[in-house]
Amino acid sequence: MKTRLTPAQIQLLKDDLCTELATYLADDYHCTPQEAIEMLYTSETFERLQDDATGLYYQSPGYVYSFLQNELKSARVA
């Protein structure tokens, strides 16, 4: 039997993941929590995370952070 997550449970997973991602950003980029949140919220990775169909909310913070790091590195080079 397959258990489905409720919308509230999915949102909680997303919120927790965003907290972890912002912490990683603040540590790695030596920025304030506010700057880290802004970096996250303006990213394509965040947009994908908000789309339930991607299932990113169900992945580990490290896995999702690898996408965010690649996105940020690409943006800095361009």
N, C-alpha and C. Protein backbone atom coordinates (compact mmCIF):
# COMPACT_ATOMS: atom_id res chain seq x y z
N MET A 1 0.84 -1.18 0.00
CA MET A 1 0.00 0.00 0.00
C MET A 1 0.89 1.24 0.00
N LYS A 2 0.57 2.16 -0.88
CA LYS A 2 1.34 3.39 -1.05
C LYS A 2 0.72 4.51 -0.20
N THR A 3 1.55 5.17 0.60
CA THR A 3 1.07 6.28 1.42
C THR A 3 1.33 7.58 0.69
N ARG A 4 0.34 8.41 0.60
CA ARG A 4 0.46 9.73 -0.03
C ARG A 4 0.65 10.79 1.04
N LEU A 5 1.52 11.74 0.72
CA LEU A 5 1.73 12.86 1.62
C LEU A 5 0.62 13.89 1.42
N THR A 6 0.23 14.52 2.51
CA THR A 6 -0.75 15.59 2.41
C THR A 6 -0.06 16.85 1.92
N PRO A 7 -0.81 17.81 1.39
CA PRO A 7 -0.19 19.08 1.00
C PRO A 7 0.57 19.75 2.15
N ALA A 8 0.07 19.65 3.36
CA ALA A 8 0.75 20.25 4.51
C ALA A 8 2.08 19.54 4.78
N GLN A 9 2.12 18.23 4.63
CA GLN A 9 3.36 17.49 4.82
C GLN A 9 4.39 17.85 3.75
N ILE A 10 3.93 17.99 2.52
CA ILE A 10 4.82 18.37 1.42
C ILE A 10 5.39 19.76 1.68
N GLN A 11 4.55 20.69 2.13
CA GLN A 11 5.03 22.04 2.41
C GLN A 11 6.05 22.04 3.54
N LEU A 12 5.84 21.21 4.53
CA LEU A 12 6.79 21.11 5.64
C LEU A 12 8.15 20.59 5.14
N LEU A 13 8.13 19.60 4.26
CA LEU A 13 9.37 19.10 3.67
C LEU A 13 10.09 20.19 2.89
N LYS A 14 9.33 20.96 2.12
CA LYS A 14 9.92 22.06 1.34
C LYS A 14 10.52 23.12 2.26
N ASP A 15 9.80 23.47 3.31
CA ASP A 15 10.28 24.48 4.24
C ASP A 15 11.57 24.04 4.92
N ASP A 16 11.59 22.79 5.37
CA ASP A 16 12.80 22.26 6.02
C ASP A 16 13.97 22.23 5.06
N LEU A 17 13.71 21.84 3.83
CA LEU A 17 14.75 21.78 2.82
C LEU A 17 15.29 23.17 2.52
N CYS A 18 14.42 24.15 2.43
CA CYS A 18 14.85 25.53 2.18
C CYS A 18 15.71 26.06 3.33
N THR A 19 15.37 25.70 4.54
CA THR A 19 16.17 26.10 5.69
C THR A 19 17.58 25.53 5.58
N GLU A 20 17.68 24.26 5.24
CA GLU A 20 18.98 23.62 5.07
C GLU A 20 19.77 24.26 3.93
N LEU A 21 19.11 24.51 2.81
CA LEU A 21 19.78 25.10 1.65
C LEU A 21 20.30 26.49 1.98
N ALA A 22 19.50 27.29 2.67
CA ALA A 22 19.93 28.65 3.04
C ALA A 22 21.13 28.58 3.99
N THR A 23 21.13 27.61 4.88
CA THR A 23 22.27 27.45 5.80
C THR A 23 23.53 27.09 5.03
N TYR A 24 23.41 26.17 4.08
CA TYR A 24 24.56 25.81 3.24
C TYR A 24 25.09 27.02 2.48
N LEU A 25 24.17 27.80 1.91
CA LEU A 25 24.58 28.99 1.15
C LEU A 25 25.31 29.98 2.04
N ALA A 26 24.75 30.25 3.22
CA ALA A 26 25.38 31.21 4.13
C ALA A 26 26.78 30.75 4.52
N ASP A 27 26.93 29.46 4.75
CA ASP A 27 28.25 28.93 5.13
C ASP A 27 29.23 28.97 3.96
N ASP A 28 28.80 28.51 2.80
CA ASP A 28 29.70 28.39 1.65
C ASP A 28 30.05 29.73 1.01
N TYR A 29 29.11 30.66 1.03
CA TYR A 29 29.33 31.95 0.36
C TYR A 29 29.60 33.08 1.35
N HIS A 30 29.72 32.72 2.63
CA HIS A 30 30.04 33.69 3.69
C HIS A 30 29.13 34.92 3.60
N CYS A 31 27.85 34.66 3.56
CA CYS A 31 26.88 35.76 3.47
C CYS A 31 25.91 35.68 4.65
N THR A 32 25.11 36.70 4.79
CA THR A 32 24.12 36.74 5.87
C THR A 32 22.98 35.77 5.55
N PRO A 33 22.23 35.37 6.56
CA PRO A 33 21.07 34.52 6.29
C PRO A 33 20.09 35.17 5.31
N GLN A 34 19.90 36.48 5.43
CA GLN A 34 18.99 37.19 4.51
C GLN A 34 19.49 37.10 3.07
N GLU A 35 20.80 37.30 2.88
CA GLU A 35 21.37 37.20 1.53
C GLU A 35 21.24 35.77 0.99
N ALA A 36 21.44 34.79 1.87
CA ALA A 36 21.32 33.39 1.45
C ALA A 36 19.89 33.07 1.02
N ILE A 37 18.93 33.57 1.79
CA ILE A 37 17.52 33.34 1.44
C ILE A 37 17.19 34.00 0.11
N GLU A 38 17.70 35.21 -0.11
CA GLU A 38 17.47 35.89 -1.39
C GLU A 38 18.07 35.11 -2.55
N MET A 39 19.29 34.60 -2.35
CA MET A 39 19.93 33.79 -3.40
C MET A 39 19.06 32.57 -3.72
N LEU A 40 18.56 31.92 -2.68
CA LEU A 40 17.74 30.73 -2.87
C LEU A 40 16.42 31.07 -3.55
N TYR A 41 15.72 32.07 -3.05
CA TYR A 41 14.38 32.39 -3.56
C TYR A 41 14.38 32.91 -4.99
N THR A 42 15.51 33.40 -5.46
CA THR A 42 15.58 33.91 -6.83
C THR A 42 16.18 32.88 -7.79
N SER A 43 16.39 31.66 -7.32
CA SER A 43 17.01 30.64 -8.15
C SER A 43 15.98 29.79 -8.89
N GLU A 44 16.44 29.21 -9.99
CA GLU A 44 15.61 28.24 -10.72
C GLU A 44 15.41 26.98 -9.90
N THR A 45 16.40 26.64 -9.10
CA THR A 45 16.29 25.47 -8.25
C THR A 45 15.12 25.62 -7.29
N PHE A 46 14.95 26.82 -6.73
CA PHE A 46 13.82 27.07 -5.83
C PHE A 46 12.50 26.92 -6.57
N GLU A 47 12.44 27.44 -7.80
CA GLU A 47 11.22 27.30 -8.59
C GLU A 47 10.89 25.83 -8.81
N ARG A 48 11.91 25.04 -9.12
CA ARG A 48 11.69 23.60 -9.33
C ARG A 48 11.27 22.92 -8.03
N LEU A 49 11.85 23.35 -6.93
CA LEU A 49 11.50 22.79 -5.63
C LEU A 49 10.03 23.04 -5.30
N GLN A 50 9.53 24.19 -5.70
CA GLN A 50 8.13 24.54 -5.42
C GLN A 50 7.14 23.76 -6.28
N ASP A 51 7.61 23.20 -7.39
CA ASP A 51 6.76 22.41 -8.28
C ASP A 51 6.70 20.97 -7.74
N ASP A 52 5.57 20.59 -7.19
CA ASP A 52 5.42 19.26 -6.60
C ASP A 52 5.75 18.13 -7.58
N ALA A 53 5.51 18.37 -8.85
CA ALA A 53 5.72 17.33 -9.86
C ALA A 53 7.19 16.91 -9.98
N THR A 54 8.12 17.79 -9.61
CA THR A 54 9.54 17.44 -9.72
C THR A 54 9.97 16.45 -8.65
N GLY A 55 9.28 16.44 -7.52
CA GLY A 55 9.65 15.56 -6.43
C GLY A 55 10.91 15.97 -5.70
N LEU A 56 11.44 17.16 -5.99
CA LEU A 56 12.67 17.60 -5.32
C LEU A 56 12.50 17.72 -3.81
N TYR A 57 11.30 18.02 -3.36
CA TYR A 57 11.04 18.15 -1.93
C TYR A 57 11.32 16.85 -1.19
N TYR A 58 11.36 15.75 -1.90
CA TYR A 58 11.54 14.43 -1.32
C TYR A 58 13.01 14.00 -1.30
N GLN A 59 13.89 14.83 -1.85
CA GLN A 59 15.31 14.50 -1.96
C GLN A 59 16.09 15.08 -0.77
N SER A 60 17.31 14.63 -0.64
CA SER A 60 18.16 15.10 0.47
C SER A 60 18.62 16.54 0.20
N PRO A 61 18.90 17.29 1.26
CA PRO A 61 19.39 18.65 1.07
C PRO A 61 20.68 18.70 0.24
N GLY A 62 21.57 17.75 0.46
CA GLY A 62 22.82 17.72 -0.29
C GLY A 62 22.61 17.53 -1.78
N TYR A 63 21.67 16.68 -2.12
CA TYR A 63 21.35 16.42 -3.53
C TYR A 63 20.80 17.68 -4.19
N VAL A 64 19.84 18.33 -3.55
CA VAL A 64 19.24 19.54 -4.12
C VAL A 64 20.26 20.67 -4.14
N TYR A 65 21.12 20.73 -3.12
CA TYR A 65 22.14 21.78 -3.06
C TYR A 65 23.12 21.66 -4.22
N SER A 66 23.38 20.44 -4.67
CA SER A 66 24.29 20.27 -5.81
C SER A 66 23.73 20.94 -7.06
N PHE A 67 22.41 20.88 -7.24
CA PHE A 67 21.78 21.59 -8.36
C PHE A 67 21.93 23.10 -8.20
N LEU A 68 21.70 23.56 -6.98
CA LEU A 68 21.79 24.99 -6.71
C LEU A 68 23.22 25.50 -6.91
N GLN A 69 24.20 24.74 -6.46
CA GLN A 69 25.60 25.13 -6.66
C GLN A 69 25.94 25.23 -8.14
N ASN A 70 25.51 24.25 -8.91
CA ASN A 70 25.77 24.28 -10.35
C ASN A 70 25.11 25.49 -11.00
N GLU A 71 23.89 25.79 -10.58
CA GLU A 71 23.18 26.94 -11.11
C GLU A 71 23.93 28.24 -10.78
N LEU A 72 24.36 28.38 -9.55
CA LEU A 72 25.06 29.60 -9.14
C LEU A 72 26.42 29.74 -9.83
N LYS A 73 27.12 28.63 -10.00
CA LYS A 73 28.40 28.68 -10.71
C LYS A 73 28.21 29.08 -12.16
N SER A 74 27.18 28.57 -12.79
CA SER A 74 26.89 28.91 -14.18
C SER A 74 26.53 30.38 -14.32
N ALA A 75 25.79 30.90 -13.37
CA ALA A 75 25.37 32.30 -13.41
C ALA A 75 26.56 33.24 -13.23
N ARG A 76 27.53 32.84 -12.43
CA ARG A 76 28.70 33.69 -12.19
C ARG A 76 29.63 33.71 -13.38
N VAL A 77 29.66 32.63 -14.12
CA VAL A 77 30.55 32.55 -15.29
C VAL A 77 29.98 33.35 -16.45
N ALA A 78 28.66 33.31 -16.58
CA ALA A 78 27.99 33.96 -17.71
C ALA A 78 28.07 35.47 -17.66
